[in-house]
Amino acid sequence: MRRFQTKEVVQSVLYPSQVISDQYASKTIITDDGRTFTGILGPAGGDSVVVLQSSGEKITLKKDAIDEIAPSSKSAMPEKLFDNLSLDDIADLFAFLRAGSTRQRSARR
């Protein structure tokens, strides 16, 4: 959590599509047969690509079966991640993350 302020992390989790880093930008892929997939693209080797969907599912597609690839305005991060947590749970999570980054800094010295 050293890289981002707590406020930025909370905003990113509450509103994952508000600001999307280019590194994590999703694409919408439409195949020749009309299927649509949205996720982060990665190489699968050779003539295929992998689409990592927000559900965690990986779809492998042949490049020649892809009709269109377009940027998506929707984040690959699932929405409503805090919905099942109490305020105390969220506070505990951030305390844990802060403690972990402190331990990492101490271990590097």
N, C-alpha and C. Protein backbone atom coordinates (compact mmCIF):
# COMPACT_ATOMS: atom_id res chain seq x y z
N MET A 1 0.82 -1.20 0.00
CA MET A 1 0.00 0.00 0.00
C MET A 1 0.86 1.25 0.00
N ARG A 2 2.13 1.07 -0.05
CA ARG A 2 3.03 2.20 -0.02
C ARG A 2 2.87 3.08 -1.25
N ARG A 3 2.53 2.49 -2.36
CA ARG A 3 2.46 3.23 -3.62
C ARG A 3 1.22 4.13 -3.72
N PHE A 4 0.14 3.74 -3.07
CA PHE A 4 -1.11 4.49 -3.15
C PHE A 4 -1.58 4.88 -1.76
N GLN A 5 -2.28 6.00 -1.68
CA GLN A 5 -2.90 6.42 -0.43
C GLN A 5 -4.13 5.54 -0.18
N THR A 6 -4.51 5.39 1.08
CA THR A 6 -5.68 4.59 1.44
C THR A 6 -6.91 5.07 0.69
N LYS A 7 -7.07 6.38 0.57
CA LYS A 7 -8.22 6.95 -0.14
C LYS A 7 -8.28 6.45 -1.58
N GLU A 8 -7.13 6.42 -2.27
CA GLU A 8 -7.09 5.96 -3.66
C GLU A 8 -7.47 4.49 -3.79
N VAL A 9 -7.00 3.68 -2.84
CA VAL A 9 -7.32 2.25 -2.87
C VAL A 9 -8.81 2.04 -2.66
N VAL A 10 -9.38 2.73 -1.67
CA VAL A 10 -10.82 2.60 -1.40
C VAL A 10 -11.63 3.03 -2.62
N GLN A 11 -11.27 4.17 -3.21
CA GLN A 11 -11.99 4.64 -4.39
C GLN A 11 -11.90 3.64 -5.54
N SER A 12 -10.73 3.04 -5.72
CA SER A 12 -10.55 2.08 -6.81
C SER A 12 -11.38 0.82 -6.60
N VAL A 13 -11.54 0.43 -5.34
CA VAL A 13 -12.34 -0.76 -5.06
C VAL A 13 -13.83 -0.43 -5.16
N LEU A 14 -14.23 0.73 -4.66
CA LEU A 14 -15.65 1.11 -4.72
C LEU A 14 -16.10 1.44 -6.14
N TYR A 15 -15.22 2.08 -6.91
CA TYR A 15 -15.55 2.51 -8.27
C TYR A 15 -14.45 2.03 -9.24
N PRO A 16 -14.40 0.74 -9.50
CA PRO A 16 -13.28 0.19 -10.28
C PRO A 16 -13.16 0.71 -11.71
N SER A 17 -14.22 1.20 -12.29
CA SER A 17 -14.16 1.67 -13.68
C SER A 17 -13.90 3.18 -13.79
N GLN A 18 -13.77 3.86 -12.65
CA GLN A 18 -13.58 5.31 -12.68
C GLN A 18 -12.21 5.69 -13.26
N VAL A 19 -11.15 5.04 -12.80
CA VAL A 19 -9.80 5.27 -13.31
C VAL A 19 -9.17 3.91 -13.55
N ILE A 20 -8.81 3.64 -14.79
CA ILE A 20 -8.24 2.34 -15.14
C ILE A 20 -6.85 2.55 -15.71
N SER A 21 -5.86 1.96 -15.06
CA SER A 21 -4.49 2.03 -15.54
C SER A 21 -4.40 1.33 -16.90
N ASP A 22 -3.58 1.86 -17.80
CA ASP A 22 -3.38 1.21 -19.10
C ASP A 22 -2.91 -0.22 -18.94
N GLN A 23 -2.18 -0.47 -17.88
CA GLN A 23 -1.65 -1.81 -17.61
C GLN A 23 -2.78 -2.83 -17.39
N TYR A 24 -3.91 -2.37 -16.89
CA TYR A 24 -5.03 -3.25 -16.57
C TYR A 24 -6.27 -2.98 -17.40
N ALA A 25 -6.12 -2.26 -18.49
CA ALA A 25 -7.27 -1.91 -19.32
C ALA A 25 -7.85 -3.15 -20.00
N SER A 26 -9.14 -3.27 -19.93
CA SER A 26 -9.84 -4.39 -20.56
C SER A 26 -10.13 -4.08 -22.02
N LYS A 27 -10.34 -5.12 -22.75
CA LYS A 27 -10.74 -5.02 -24.16
C LYS A 27 -12.01 -5.83 -24.34
N THR A 28 -12.82 -5.42 -25.29
CA THR A 28 -13.98 -6.19 -25.70
C THR A 28 -13.64 -6.84 -27.03
N ILE A 29 -13.78 -8.15 -27.07
CA ILE A 29 -13.44 -8.92 -28.26
C ILE A 29 -14.72 -9.50 -28.83
N ILE A 30 -14.93 -9.28 -30.11
CA ILE A 30 -16.08 -9.86 -30.82
C ILE A 30 -15.52 -10.85 -31.82
N THR A 31 -16.02 -12.08 -31.76
CA THR A 31 -15.53 -13.12 -32.65
C THR A 31 -16.33 -13.15 -33.95
N ASP A 32 -15.80 -13.85 -34.93
CA ASP A 32 -16.47 -13.98 -36.23
C ASP A 32 -17.88 -14.55 -36.10
N ASP A 33 -18.10 -15.41 -35.08
CA ASP A 33 -19.42 -16.02 -34.93
C ASP A 33 -20.33 -15.23 -33.98
N GLY A 34 -19.92 -13.97 -33.62
CA GLY A 34 -20.78 -13.09 -32.86
C GLY A 34 -20.66 -13.17 -31.35
N ARG A 35 -19.78 -14.02 -30.84
CA ARG A 35 -19.61 -14.08 -29.38
C ARG A 35 -18.81 -12.85 -28.93
N THR A 36 -19.09 -12.40 -27.70
CA THR A 36 -18.42 -11.23 -27.13
C THR A 36 -17.77 -11.61 -25.81
N PHE A 37 -16.51 -11.21 -25.64
CA PHE A 37 -15.77 -11.44 -24.42
C PHE A 37 -15.13 -10.12 -23.99
N THR A 38 -15.11 -9.88 -22.69
CA THR A 38 -14.46 -8.68 -22.17
C THR A 38 -13.47 -9.09 -21.08
N GLY A 39 -12.25 -8.57 -21.19
CA GLY A 39 -11.24 -8.88 -20.19
C GLY A 39 -9.88 -8.35 -20.62
N ILE A 40 -8.88 -8.77 -19.87
CA ILE A 40 -7.50 -8.37 -20.16
C ILE A 40 -6.91 -9.38 -21.13
N LEU A 41 -6.30 -8.88 -22.20
CA LEU A 41 -5.71 -9.76 -23.21
C LEU A 41 -4.29 -10.12 -22.86
N GLY A 42 -3.95 -11.34 -23.17
CA GLY A 42 -2.58 -11.80 -22.98
C GLY A 42 -2.25 -12.79 -24.08
N PRO A 43 -0.96 -12.97 -24.37
CA PRO A 43 -0.58 -13.91 -25.42
C PRO A 43 -0.78 -15.35 -24.94
N ALA A 44 -1.21 -16.19 -25.85
CA ALA A 44 -1.36 -17.61 -25.54
C ALA A 44 -0.31 -18.41 -26.30
N GLY A 45 0.45 -17.72 -27.13
CA GLY A 45 1.46 -18.40 -27.93
C GLY A 45 0.93 -18.65 -29.33
N GLY A 46 1.79 -18.44 -30.30
CA GLY A 46 1.42 -18.72 -31.68
C GLY A 46 0.30 -17.87 -32.18
N ASP A 47 -0.76 -18.52 -32.60
CA ASP A 47 -1.87 -17.83 -33.26
C ASP A 47 -3.09 -17.64 -32.36
N SER A 48 -2.88 -17.59 -31.04
CA SER A 48 -3.98 -17.46 -30.09
C SER A 48 -3.73 -16.33 -29.10
N VAL A 49 -4.82 -15.87 -28.50
CA VAL A 49 -4.76 -14.92 -27.40
C VAL A 49 -5.61 -15.46 -26.25
N VAL A 50 -5.29 -15.02 -25.05
CA VAL A 50 -6.07 -15.40 -23.87
C VAL A 50 -6.80 -14.16 -23.38
N VAL A 51 -8.06 -14.32 -23.04
CA VAL A 51 -8.86 -13.25 -22.44
C VAL A 51 -9.11 -13.64 -20.99
N LEU A 52 -8.54 -12.87 -20.06
CA LEU A 52 -8.79 -13.11 -18.64
C LEU A 52 -9.98 -12.27 -18.24
N GLN A 53 -11.10 -12.93 -17.96
CA GLN A 53 -12.33 -12.23 -17.63
C GLN A 53 -12.36 -11.90 -16.14
N SER A 54 -13.21 -10.94 -15.76
CA SER A 54 -13.29 -10.52 -14.36
C SER A 54 -13.73 -11.65 -13.43
N SER A 55 -14.36 -12.68 -13.97
CA SER A 55 -14.76 -13.84 -13.17
C SER A 55 -13.57 -14.73 -12.85
N GLY A 56 -12.42 -14.46 -13.48
CA GLY A 56 -11.24 -15.30 -13.31
C GLY A 56 -11.11 -16.35 -14.40
N GLU A 57 -12.15 -16.49 -15.19
CA GLU A 57 -12.13 -17.47 -16.28
C GLU A 57 -11.21 -17.00 -17.41
N LYS A 58 -10.44 -17.94 -17.93
CA LYS A 58 -9.56 -17.64 -19.07
C LYS A 58 -10.16 -18.29 -20.32
N ILE A 59 -10.29 -17.48 -21.36
CA ILE A 59 -10.80 -17.94 -22.64
C ILE A 59 -9.66 -17.84 -23.66
N THR A 60 -9.38 -18.90 -24.36
CA THR A 60 -8.36 -18.87 -25.41
C THR A 60 -9.06 -18.79 -26.76
N LEU A 61 -8.66 -17.80 -27.56
CA LEU A 61 -9.26 -17.59 -28.87
C LEU A 61 -8.18 -17.59 -29.95
N LYS A 62 -8.50 -18.16 -31.07
CA LYS A 62 -7.60 -18.08 -32.23
C LYS A 62 -7.67 -16.67 -32.78
N LYS A 63 -6.51 -16.11 -33.13
CA LYS A 63 -6.48 -14.74 -33.64
C LYS A 63 -7.32 -14.58 -34.90
N ASP A 64 -7.33 -15.60 -35.75
CA ASP A 64 -8.09 -15.48 -37.01
C ASP A 64 -9.60 -15.62 -36.81
N ALA A 65 -10.04 -15.95 -35.57
CA ALA A 65 -11.48 -16.03 -35.27
C ALA A 65 -11.99 -14.72 -34.67
N ILE A 66 -11.10 -13.74 -34.47
CA ILE A 66 -11.47 -12.47 -33.87
C ILE A 66 -11.84 -11.47 -34.96
N ASP A 67 -13.05 -10.92 -34.84
CA ASP A 67 -13.53 -9.94 -35.81
C ASP A 67 -13.13 -8.53 -35.40
N GLU A 68 -13.22 -8.25 -34.09
CA GLU A 68 -12.96 -6.88 -33.63
C GLU A 68 -12.43 -6.89 -32.20
N ILE A 69 -11.50 -5.98 -31.91
CA ILE A 69 -11.02 -5.74 -30.55
C ILE A 69 -11.16 -4.25 -30.29
N ALA A 70 -11.87 -3.91 -29.21
CA ALA A 70 -12.10 -2.50 -28.89
C ALA A 70 -11.82 -2.27 -27.40
N PRO A 71 -11.37 -1.07 -27.03
CA PRO A 71 -11.17 -0.76 -25.61
C PRO A 71 -12.50 -0.84 -24.87
N SER A 72 -12.44 -1.27 -23.63
CA SER A 72 -13.64 -1.34 -22.80
C SER A 72 -13.56 -0.26 -21.73
N SER A 73 -14.68 0.36 -21.43
CA SER A 73 -14.70 1.38 -20.38
C SER A 73 -14.98 0.75 -19.02
N LYS A 74 -15.12 -0.56 -18.98
CA LYS A 74 -15.41 -1.28 -17.74
C LYS A 74 -14.14 -1.95 -17.24
N SER A 75 -13.87 -1.80 -15.96
CA SER A 75 -12.69 -2.39 -15.35
C SER A 75 -12.84 -3.91 -15.23
N ALA A 76 -11.70 -4.59 -15.29
CA ALA A 76 -11.70 -6.04 -15.07
C ALA A 76 -11.87 -6.37 -13.58
N MET A 77 -11.67 -5.37 -12.72
CA MET A 77 -11.84 -5.60 -11.28
C MET A 77 -13.33 -5.77 -11.00
N PRO A 78 -13.68 -6.83 -10.29
CA PRO A 78 -15.10 -7.03 -9.95
C PRO A 78 -15.63 -5.87 -9.12
N GLU A 79 -16.89 -5.58 -9.30
CA GLU A 79 -17.55 -4.52 -8.53
C GLU A 79 -18.07 -5.09 -7.21
N LYS A 80 -18.37 -4.20 -6.29
CA LYS A 80 -19.03 -4.53 -5.02
C LYS A 80 -18.20 -5.45 -4.12
N LEU A 81 -16.87 -5.30 -4.15
CA LEU A 81 -16.01 -6.16 -3.35
C LEU A 81 -16.19 -5.94 -1.85
N PHE A 82 -16.61 -4.74 -1.45
CA PHE A 82 -16.79 -4.44 -0.03
C PHE A 82 -18.20 -4.73 0.46
N ASP A 83 -19.08 -5.12 -0.41
CA ASP A 83 -20.49 -5.24 -0.04
C ASP A 83 -20.76 -6.20 1.11
N ASN A 84 -20.00 -7.25 1.23
CA ASN A 84 -20.24 -8.24 2.29
C ASN A 84 -19.36 -8.03 3.52
N LEU A 85 -18.67 -6.89 3.57
CA LEU A 85 -17.80 -6.59 4.69
C LEU A 85 -18.38 -5.47 5.55
N SER A 86 -18.19 -5.60 6.85
CA SER A 86 -18.59 -4.51 7.75
C SER A 86 -17.49 -3.44 7.72
N LEU A 87 -17.78 -2.28 8.28
CA LEU A 87 -16.77 -1.22 8.37
C LEU A 87 -15.57 -1.70 9.19
N ASP A 88 -15.83 -2.49 10.24
CA ASP A 88 -14.73 -3.04 11.03
C ASP A 88 -13.87 -3.99 10.19
N ASP A 89 -14.51 -4.81 9.36
CA ASP A 89 -13.75 -5.73 8.49
C ASP A 89 -12.86 -4.94 7.52
N ILE A 90 -13.39 -3.88 6.96
CA ILE A 90 -12.63 -3.06 6.02
C ILE A 90 -11.46 -2.38 6.73
N ALA A 91 -11.72 -1.87 7.94
CA ALA A 91 -10.64 -1.24 8.72
C ALA A 91 -9.56 -2.26 9.05
N ASP A 92 -9.95 -3.47 9.41
CA ASP A 92 -8.98 -4.54 9.69
C ASP A 92 -8.16 -4.89 8.46
N LEU A 93 -8.81 -4.93 7.30
CA LEU A 93 -8.11 -5.23 6.06
C LEU A 93 -7.03 -4.19 5.78
N PHE A 94 -7.37 -2.91 5.92
CA PHE A 94 -6.39 -1.86 5.66
C PHE A 94 -5.28 -1.84 6.71
N ALA A 95 -5.61 -2.16 7.94
CA ALA A 95 -4.57 -2.26 8.97
C ALA A 95 -3.60 -3.39 8.63
N PHE A 96 -4.13 -4.49 8.17
CA PHE A 96 -3.30 -5.63 7.76
C PHE A 96 -2.41 -5.24 6.58
N LEU A 97 -2.96 -4.56 5.59
CA LEU A 97 -2.16 -4.15 4.43
C LEU A 97 -1.05 -3.18 4.83
N ARG A 98 -1.38 -2.24 5.69
CA ARG A 98 -0.35 -1.29 6.16
C ARG A 98 0.74 -2.00 6.94
N ALA A 99 0.36 -2.94 7.80
CA ALA A 99 1.35 -3.68 8.60
C ALA A 99 2.25 -4.51 7.68
N GLY A 100 1.70 -5.07 6.63
CA GLY A 100 2.49 -5.87 5.69
C GLY A 100 3.52 -5.03 4.97
N SER A 101 3.16 -3.81 4.56
CA SER A 101 4.12 -2.96 3.85
C SER A 101 5.19 -2.47 4.81
N THR A 102 4.87 -2.30 6.09
CA THR A 102 5.88 -1.91 7.09
C THR A 102 6.87 -3.04 7.31
N ARG A 103 6.36 -4.28 7.39
CA ARG A 103 7.26 -5.44 7.58
C ARG A 103 8.18 -5.60 6.37
N GLN A 104 7.67 -5.37 5.17
CA GLN A 104 8.50 -5.51 3.97
C GLN A 104 9.61 -4.49 3.99
N ARG A 105 9.33 -3.25 4.37
CA ARG A 105 10.37 -2.20 4.43
C ARG A 105 11.43 -2.58 5.46
N SER A 106 11.01 -3.10 6.63
CA SER A 106 11.96 -3.48 7.67
C SER A 106 12.85 -4.62 7.22
N ALA A 107 12.30 -5.57 6.48
CA ALA A 107 13.06 -6.72 6.01
C ALA A 107 14.10 -6.33 4.98
N ARG A 108 13.87 -5.26 4.24
CA ARG A 108 14.81 -4.82 3.20
C ARG A 108 16.03 -4.11 3.77
N ARG A 109 15.93 -3.63 4.97
CA ARG A 109 17.03 -2.84 5.55
C ARG A 109 18.16 -3.71 5.98
